[in-house]
Every structure is written in C-alpha cells, then in structure tokens.
N, C-alpha and C. Protein backbone atom coordinates (compact mmCIF):
# COMPACT_ATOMS: atom_id res chain seq x y z
N MET A 1 50.52 -33.08 -145.23
CA MET A 1 50.98 -31.65 -145.43
C MET A 1 51.89 -31.56 -144.32
N ALA A 2 52.95 -31.02 -144.54
CA ALA A 2 54.01 -30.54 -143.86
C ALA A 2 53.94 -29.16 -143.27
N LEU A 3 54.25 -28.67 -142.02
CA LEU A 3 54.34 -27.39 -141.73
C LEU A 3 55.42 -26.47 -142.75
N THR A 4 55.12 -25.31 -142.94
CA THR A 4 55.93 -24.44 -143.70
C THR A 4 56.96 -23.85 -143.03
N ASN A 5 56.74 -23.64 -141.71
CA ASN A 5 57.64 -23.46 -140.89
C ASN A 5 57.53 -23.92 -139.21
N THR A 6 58.52 -24.39 -138.53
CA THR A 6 57.82 -24.92 -137.42
C THR A 6 58.21 -23.77 -136.22
N ARG A 7 57.74 -23.90 -135.11
CA ARG A 7 57.71 -22.82 -133.96
C ARG A 7 59.31 -22.79 -134.13
N ALA A 8 59.81 -24.01 -133.41
CA ALA A 8 61.17 -23.65 -133.21
C ALA A 8 62.06 -22.75 -134.53
N ALA A 9 61.62 -23.15 -135.33
CA ALA A 9 62.50 -22.32 -136.56
C ALA A 9 62.21 -20.95 -136.54
N LEU A 10 61.22 -20.86 -136.07
CA LEU A 10 60.50 -19.11 -136.01
C LEU A 10 61.39 -18.55 -134.86
N LYS A 11 61.20 -19.23 -133.89
CA LYS A 11 61.91 -18.68 -132.70
C LYS A 11 63.41 -18.47 -132.78
N ALA A 12 63.81 -19.28 -133.49
CA ALA A 12 65.49 -19.20 -133.77
C ALA A 12 65.73 -17.99 -134.73
N PHE A 13 64.96 -17.01 -135.23
CA PHE A 13 65.08 -15.80 -135.80
C PHE A 13 65.01 -14.89 -134.84
N PHE A 14 64.70 -15.28 -133.33
CA PHE A 14 64.92 -14.10 -132.50
C PHE A 14 65.65 -14.13 -131.15
N ASN A 15 66.98 -15.28 -131.63
CA ASN A 15 67.72 -15.16 -130.10
C ASN A 15 68.10 -14.08 -129.70
N THR A 16 68.68 -14.21 -128.56
CA THR A 16 68.95 -13.00 -127.96
C THR A 16 70.52 -12.76 -128.97
N GLY A 17 70.60 -11.34 -129.02
CA GLY A 17 71.87 -10.92 -130.25
C GLY A 17 71.61 -11.02 -131.47
N ASP A 18 70.51 -11.68 -131.73
CA ASP A 18 70.26 -11.92 -133.21
C ASP A 18 69.82 -10.41 -133.67
N VAL A 19 69.93 -10.45 -134.94
CA VAL A 19 69.16 -9.08 -135.47
C VAL A 19 68.07 -9.65 -136.93
N PRO A 20 66.98 -9.93 -136.70
CA PRO A 20 65.82 -10.53 -137.43
C PRO A 20 66.04 -9.29 -138.76
N THR A 21 66.08 -10.45 -140.04
CA THR A 21 66.21 -9.64 -141.23
C THR A 21 64.67 -9.47 -141.44
N GLU A 22 64.21 -8.37 -142.76
CA GLU A 22 62.62 -8.36 -143.20
C GLU A 22 61.99 -9.46 -143.50
N VAL A 23 62.70 -10.26 -144.00
CA VAL A 23 62.25 -11.69 -144.57
C VAL A 23 61.76 -12.34 -143.69
N GLN A 24 62.73 -12.63 -142.13
CA GLN A 24 62.30 -13.34 -141.25
C GLN A 24 61.24 -12.75 -140.58
N PHE A 25 60.99 -11.21 -140.34
CA PHE A 25 59.76 -10.31 -139.95
C PHE A 25 58.47 -10.67 -140.54
N SER A 26 58.62 -10.96 -141.84
CA SER A 26 57.57 -11.39 -142.94
C SER A 26 57.07 -12.70 -142.53
N THR A 27 57.87 -13.78 -142.48
CA THR A 27 57.84 -14.88 -142.69
C THR A 27 57.12 -15.37 -141.07
N LEU A 28 57.46 -14.71 -140.33
CA LEU A 28 56.92 -14.61 -138.95
C LEU A 28 55.08 -14.33 -138.85
N ILE A 29 55.22 -13.35 -139.74
CA ILE A 29 53.93 -12.83 -139.54
C ILE A 29 53.27 -13.39 -140.30
N ASP A 30 53.66 -13.94 -141.50
CA ASP A 30 52.67 -14.67 -142.54
C ASP A 30 52.44 -16.29 -141.65
N ALA A 31 52.82 -16.73 -140.87
CA ALA A 31 52.77 -17.65 -140.11
C ALA A 31 51.53 -17.90 -139.19
N PHE A 32 51.13 -16.30 -138.90
CA PHE A 32 49.92 -16.33 -137.78
C PHE A 32 48.54 -16.43 -139.22
N PRO A 33 47.77 -17.19 -138.47
CA PRO A 33 46.19 -16.93 -138.95
C PRO A 33 45.72 -15.53 -138.78
N MET A 34 44.75 -15.38 -139.59
CA MET A 34 44.55 -13.97 -139.24
C MET A 34 42.59 -14.49 -138.99
N VAL A 35 42.08 -13.55 -138.06
CA VAL A 35 40.39 -14.30 -137.33
C VAL A 35 39.46 -12.73 -137.56
N TYR A 36 38.70 -12.97 -138.42
CA TYR A 36 37.72 -11.74 -138.76
C TYR A 36 36.59 -12.53 -137.92
N THR A 37 36.37 -11.38 -137.16
CA THR A 37 34.92 -11.77 -136.32
C THR A 37 33.87 -10.53 -136.44
N GLU A 38 32.52 -11.03 -136.73
CA GLU A 38 31.79 -10.10 -136.82
C GLU A 38 30.38 -10.82 -136.04
N THR A 39 29.17 -9.82 -135.75
CA THR A 39 28.26 -10.14 -135.28
C THR A 39 26.75 -10.38 -136.14
N ILE A 40 26.11 -10.68 -136.25
CA ILE A 40 25.15 -10.75 -137.66
C ILE A 40 23.95 -11.15 -136.53
N THR A 41 22.76 -11.18 -137.47
CA THR A 41 21.17 -11.89 -137.08
C THR A 41 21.11 -12.54 -138.68
N LEU A 42 21.09 -14.05 -138.72
CA LEU A 42 20.70 -14.81 -139.34
C LEU A 42 19.11 -15.08 -139.75
N VAL A 43 18.79 -15.39 -140.91
CA VAL A 43 17.50 -15.39 -141.17
C VAL A 43 17.04 -16.67 -141.67
N LYS A 44 16.45 -17.33 -141.58
CA LYS A 44 16.14 -19.03 -141.72
C LYS A 44 16.25 -18.81 -143.38
N ASP A 45 17.36 -19.85 -143.69
CA ASP A 45 17.48 -20.06 -145.55
C ASP A 45 17.35 -19.07 -146.37
N THR A 46 18.22 -18.41 -145.27
CA THR A 46 18.55 -16.79 -146.45
C THR A 46 19.96 -16.63 -146.29
N ASP A 47 20.71 -16.42 -147.90
CA ASP A 47 21.99 -16.33 -147.89
C ASP A 47 22.48 -14.75 -147.46
N TYR A 48 23.69 -14.82 -146.68
CA TYR A 48 24.40 -13.81 -145.75
C TYR A 48 25.50 -13.63 -146.27
N THR A 49 25.70 -12.52 -147.09
CA THR A 49 27.08 -12.09 -147.45
C THR A 49 27.86 -11.20 -146.43
N ILE A 50 29.00 -12.18 -145.98
CA ILE A 50 29.98 -10.97 -145.33
C ILE A 50 31.62 -10.97 -146.04
N THR A 51 31.64 -9.65 -145.67
CA THR A 51 32.65 -8.38 -146.60
C THR A 51 34.03 -8.73 -145.93
N HIS A 52 34.64 -8.95 -145.43
CA HIS A 52 35.92 -8.98 -144.39
C HIS A 52 36.95 -8.35 -145.40
N SER A 53 37.17 -8.18 -146.45
CA SER A 53 38.61 -7.02 -146.75
C SER A 53 39.68 -7.72 -146.34
N ALA A 54 39.66 -8.80 -146.34
CA ALA A 54 41.21 -8.99 -145.61
C ALA A 54 42.17 -9.70 -147.02
N ALA A 55 41.51 -9.36 -148.33
CA ALA A 55 42.31 -9.83 -149.25
C ALA A 55 42.99 -11.49 -149.05
N GLU A 56 42.22 -12.22 -148.72
CA GLU A 56 42.90 -13.62 -148.39
C GLU A 56 41.67 -14.61 -148.14
N LYS A 57 41.58 -15.73 -148.84
CA LYS A 57 40.72 -16.51 -149.06
C LYS A 57 39.98 -17.37 -147.35
N ALA A 58 38.91 -17.37 -147.18
CA ALA A 58 38.71 -17.93 -145.86
C ALA A 58 38.52 -19.85 -145.58
N ARG A 59 39.04 -20.10 -145.15
CA ARG A 59 39.63 -21.51 -144.65
C ARG A 59 38.82 -21.94 -143.48
N ILE A 60 38.26 -21.35 -143.03
CA ILE A 60 37.30 -22.13 -141.89
C ILE A 60 36.25 -21.18 -141.52
N VAL A 61 35.20 -21.25 -141.35
CA VAL A 61 34.31 -20.31 -140.88
C VAL A 61 33.34 -21.23 -139.69
N GLN A 62 33.50 -20.32 -138.29
CA GLN A 62 32.89 -21.39 -136.85
C GLN A 62 31.21 -19.83 -136.62
N VAL A 63 30.31 -20.23 -136.59
CA VAL A 63 29.26 -19.56 -136.04
C VAL A 63 28.85 -20.04 -134.44
N LEU A 64 28.59 -18.96 -133.54
CA LEU A 64 28.35 -19.08 -132.45
C LEU A 64 26.97 -18.70 -132.05
N ASP A 65 26.20 -19.28 -131.40
CA ASP A 65 24.93 -18.64 -131.17
C ASP A 65 25.31 -18.01 -129.89
N SER A 66 24.06 -16.87 -129.59
CA SER A 66 24.19 -16.04 -128.25
C SER A 66 24.65 -16.48 -127.23
N ASN A 67 24.67 -17.88 -127.07
CA ASN A 67 25.40 -19.04 -125.63
C ASN A 67 26.51 -19.25 -126.09
N GLY A 68 27.18 -19.11 -126.84
CA GLY A 68 28.57 -19.25 -127.39
C GLY A 68 28.77 -20.58 -128.03
N GLU A 69 27.46 -21.21 -128.51
CA GLU A 69 27.54 -22.53 -128.68
C GLU A 69 27.25 -22.60 -130.15
N GLU A 70 28.37 -23.81 -131.01
CA GLU A 70 28.47 -23.62 -132.16
C GLU A 70 27.55 -24.45 -132.92
N PHE A 71 26.97 -24.07 -133.85
CA PHE A 71 25.81 -24.90 -134.54
C PHE A 71 26.27 -24.40 -135.85
N GLY A 72 25.58 -25.58 -136.90
CA GLY A 72 25.60 -25.95 -137.94
C GLY A 72 25.39 -24.78 -139.33
N VAL A 73 26.42 -24.36 -139.84
CA VAL A 73 25.70 -23.57 -141.25
C VAL A 73 26.34 -23.96 -142.82
N SER A 74 25.82 -23.50 -143.51
CA SER A 74 26.63 -23.84 -144.99
C SER A 74 26.85 -22.75 -145.52
N TRP A 75 28.43 -22.98 -145.79
CA TRP A 75 28.92 -21.65 -145.98
C TRP A 75 29.73 -21.87 -147.42
N ARG A 76 30.32 -20.50 -148.22
CA ARG A 76 31.08 -20.68 -149.57
C ARG A 76 31.59 -19.10 -149.48
N ARG A 77 32.66 -19.18 -150.40
CA ARG A 77 33.11 -18.19 -151.05
C ARG A 77 32.49 -17.40 -151.82
N ASP A 78 32.79 -16.48 -151.88
CA ASP A 78 31.40 -15.59 -152.79
C ASP A 78 32.35 -15.77 -154.36
N SER A 79 31.99 -16.41 -155.13
CA SER A 79 32.44 -16.44 -156.58
C SER A 79 32.71 -14.62 -157.29
N THR A 80 32.22 -14.00 -156.83
CA THR A 80 32.42 -12.65 -157.20
C THR A 80 33.80 -11.96 -156.51
N ASP A 81 33.89 -12.21 -155.44
CA ASP A 81 35.08 -12.04 -154.63
C ASP A 81 35.53 -12.82 -153.75
N GLU A 82 36.12 -14.15 -154.57
CA GLU A 82 36.58 -15.21 -153.01
C GLU A 82 37.91 -14.54 -152.27
N ASN A 83 38.17 -13.14 -152.71
CA ASN A 83 39.32 -13.29 -151.33
C ASN A 83 38.62 -12.24 -150.38
N ASN A 84 37.29 -11.83 -150.92
CA ASN A 84 37.11 -11.05 -149.52
C ASN A 84 35.60 -10.99 -148.62
N LYS A 85 35.12 -11.81 -149.60
CA LYS A 85 33.73 -12.35 -148.96
C LYS A 85 33.33 -13.79 -149.00
N ILE A 86 32.66 -14.23 -147.88
CA ILE A 86 32.10 -15.21 -147.86
C ILE A 86 30.38 -15.26 -147.83
N ILE A 87 29.36 -16.34 -148.07
CA ILE A 87 28.06 -16.17 -148.19
C ILE A 87 27.80 -17.38 -147.02
N ILE A 88 26.94 -17.15 -146.09
CA ILE A 88 26.52 -18.16 -145.03
C ILE A 88 25.11 -18.49 -145.20
N ASN A 89 24.66 -19.20 -144.75
CA ASN A 89 23.00 -19.64 -144.90
C ASN A 89 22.95 -20.98 -143.72
N ALA A 90 21.69 -20.76 -142.84
CA ALA A 90 21.52 -21.57 -142.08
C ALA A 90 19.75 -22.01 -142.11
N SER A 91 19.88 -23.16 -141.30
CA SER A 91 18.38 -23.66 -141.76
C SER A 91 17.42 -23.12 -139.94
N VAL A 92 17.96 -22.21 -139.52
CA VAL A 92 17.53 -21.80 -138.37
C VAL A 92 17.58 -20.09 -138.57
N GLY A 93 16.68 -19.35 -138.10
CA GLY A 93 17.14 -17.80 -137.55
C GLY A 93 17.71 -17.64 -136.50
N LYS A 94 18.45 -16.95 -136.71
CA LYS A 94 19.29 -16.35 -135.20
C LYS A 94 19.67 -15.51 -135.19
N SER A 95 19.45 -14.42 -133.79
CA SER A 95 19.81 -13.38 -133.75
C SER A 95 21.17 -13.09 -132.84
N ASN A 96 21.89 -11.97 -132.63
CA ASN A 96 23.14 -12.09 -132.16
C ASN A 96 24.19 -13.21 -132.16
N VAL A 97 24.23 -13.51 -133.51
CA VAL A 97 25.48 -14.69 -134.13
C VAL A 97 26.80 -14.19 -134.27
N GLU A 98 27.80 -14.84 -133.85
CA GLU A 98 29.12 -14.43 -133.93
C GLU A 98 29.98 -15.65 -134.83
N VAL A 99 30.03 -14.70 -136.25
CA VAL A 99 30.83 -15.52 -136.93
C VAL A 99 32.55 -15.41 -137.05
N ASN A 100 33.24 -16.23 -136.80
CA ASN A 100 34.63 -16.12 -136.86
C ASN A 100 35.02 -16.93 -138.21
N ILE A 101 36.28 -16.34 -138.68
CA ILE A 101 36.44 -16.34 -140.50
C ILE A 101 38.28 -16.49 -139.81
N LEU A 102 38.39 -18.19 -140.27
CA LEU A 102 39.97 -17.97 -140.06
C LEU A 102 40.40 -17.81 -141.50
N LEU A 103 41.13 -17.05 -141.67
CA LEU A 103 42.02 -16.34 -142.94
C LEU A 103 43.49 -17.29 -143.39
N ALA A 104 43.74 -17.80 -143.88
CA ALA A 104 45.09 -17.61 -144.46
C ALA A 104 45.95 -17.42 -145.41
N GLY A 105 47.01 -16.39 -146.01
CA GLY A 105 47.14 -16.37 -147.48
C GLY A 105 47.70 -17.41 -148.23
C-alpha cells in the first residue's frame, strides 16, 4: 500500500507566498488520523460498547491499564453502527482503563 499523500507533498501546499486552496486544506485535514480517548472500567469477559460518534470506522484500538501499560483485549466494530461504535472484551477486569481508538476516514 502506498501513501496517498506524502509529507513533502502536503508541505508544498503551504510554501511562502502560496495561497492554499480549499481542496488542499481538505487534503491536509484528511491526512491526519483522529484519536478518540475514553477512560472506562472493564468487567471480565463482558462486552463493553464505546460510542465515539466520529462517523469513521475504528482502525486500531489500544487499551492501557492505570499504569499506562498496554494489555490485550478483543475488539470489533459494532455491526449495528460500524462508523460510530466498537465493542471490546477482556479476559480480566480492570478499572481506570484508557481506550484509544485510531480513526481514519
């Protein structure tokens, strides 16, 4: 898979004296992934639904414990609303868990 837009190409939109177009600004904004973060409590072997309302499908889900250590969970997009919800499940119960969802349009 190749990069759609390189950093050099995006930077070239904004050289001194240039007037970026609406399309160029849109291209730049779309090049940035969005990250949704929420702190939750996980109950062992229980599905937890997170609604991020970003209208973009989750690409990567990272879960950190209260010490900032990543631990494994299973996750999937919610089939009733794949663009705004994910479901996570862990084999352990933990509180103060930080869930980071990388979204890309």
